[in-house]
Amino acid sequence: MERFCMSEEGGFGIALAERFFGLLLVIVGAITLYYTLTSMDTLGSFVVLFGLLDVVLIVIGLVLITAKTE
């Protein structure tokens, strides 16, 4: 029965992948937020929508980076 439990090595890989994808989301969110804010005149009234979506990406990425995997 004990051999089906997750070992410490498996948990480390999951935590590393979670932090990697969190960092990737933060980077993508920051880049898209930059391009959203630099092209405000082209986007018009959609700046708020795209800016909010970019901030959501950054927040999700930060949660993934700081979350504790058990």
Protein backbone atom coordinates (compact mmCIF):
# COMPACT_ATOMS: atom_id res chain seq x y z
CA MET A 1 0.00 0.00 0.00
CA GLU A 2 2.87 2.40 0.73
CA ARG A 3 4.37 2.09 -2.73
CA PHE A 4 1.40 3.97 -4.22
CA CYS A 5 2.08 7.09 -2.12
CA MET A 6 3.85 10.00 -3.76
CA SER A 7 7.50 10.23 -2.91
CA GLU A 8 9.40 13.43 -2.12
CA GLU A 9 11.09 13.41 -5.55
CA GLY A 10 7.72 13.47 -7.34
CA GLY A 11 6.53 16.38 -5.21
CA PHE A 12 9.66 18.36 -6.03
CA GLY A 13 9.06 17.99 -9.77
CA ILE A 14 5.48 19.17 -9.45
CA ALA A 15 6.51 22.17 -7.35
CA LEU A 16 9.22 23.07 -9.84
CA ALA A 17 6.81 22.83 -12.78
CA GLU A 18 4.26 24.95 -10.91
CA ARG A 19 6.79 27.68 -10.27
CA PHE A 20 8.06 27.52 -13.86
CA PHE A 21 4.58 27.99 -15.32
CA GLY A 22 3.89 30.73 -12.78
CA LEU A 23 7.02 32.57 -13.90
CA LEU A 24 6.02 32.04 -17.53
CA LEU A 25 2.58 33.54 -16.85
CA VAL A 26 4.08 36.56 -15.10
CA ILE A 27 6.43 37.19 -18.02
CA VAL A 28 3.69 36.82 -20.64
CA GLY A 29 1.32 38.99 -18.60
CA ALA A 30 3.94 41.72 -18.19
CA ILE A 31 4.82 41.73 -21.88
CA THR A 32 1.21 41.89 -23.00
CA LEU A 33 0.46 44.59 -20.42
CA TYR A 34 3.36 46.64 -21.79
CA TYR A 35 2.10 46.31 -25.37
CA THR A 36 -1.45 47.08 -24.26
CA LEU A 37 -0.39 50.27 -22.54
CA THR A 38 1.89 51.39 -25.38
CA SER A 39 -0.85 50.98 -27.98
CA MET A 40 -3.66 52.71 -26.12
CA ASP A 41 -4.63 54.90 -29.07
CA THR A 42 -5.08 51.90 -31.36
CA LEU A 43 -7.09 49.80 -28.90
CA GLY A 44 -9.44 52.58 -27.92
CA SER A 45 -12.00 51.47 -25.38
CA PHE A 46 -10.61 47.92 -25.25
CA VAL A 47 -7.59 49.04 -23.20
CA VAL A 48 -9.46 48.39 -19.97
CA LEU A 49 -10.47 44.87 -21.04
CA PHE A 50 -7.02 43.83 -22.21
CA GLY A 51 -5.34 45.54 -19.27
CA LEU A 52 -7.57 43.66 -16.85
CA LEU A 53 -6.86 40.36 -18.59
CA ASP A 54 -3.13 41.05 -18.41
CA VAL A 55 -3.32 41.83 -14.70
CA VAL A 56 -5.27 38.59 -14.15
CA LEU A 57 -2.47 36.67 -15.89
CA ILE A 58 0.13 38.32 -13.65
CA VAL A 59 -1.87 37.60 -10.49
CA ILE A 60 -2.38 33.93 -11.43
CA GLY A 61 1.34 33.64 -12.13
CA LEU A 62 2.23 35.15 -8.77
CA VAL A 63 -0.17 32.79 -7.01
CA LEU A 64 1.45 29.82 -8.74
CA ILE A 65 4.91 31.01 -7.77
CA THR A 66 4.05 31.60 -4.11
CA ALA A 67 1.70 28.65 -3.58
CA LYS A 68 2.96 25.83 -1.42
CA THR A 69 2.63 22.40 -3.01
CA GLU A 70 2.04 19.58 -0.57
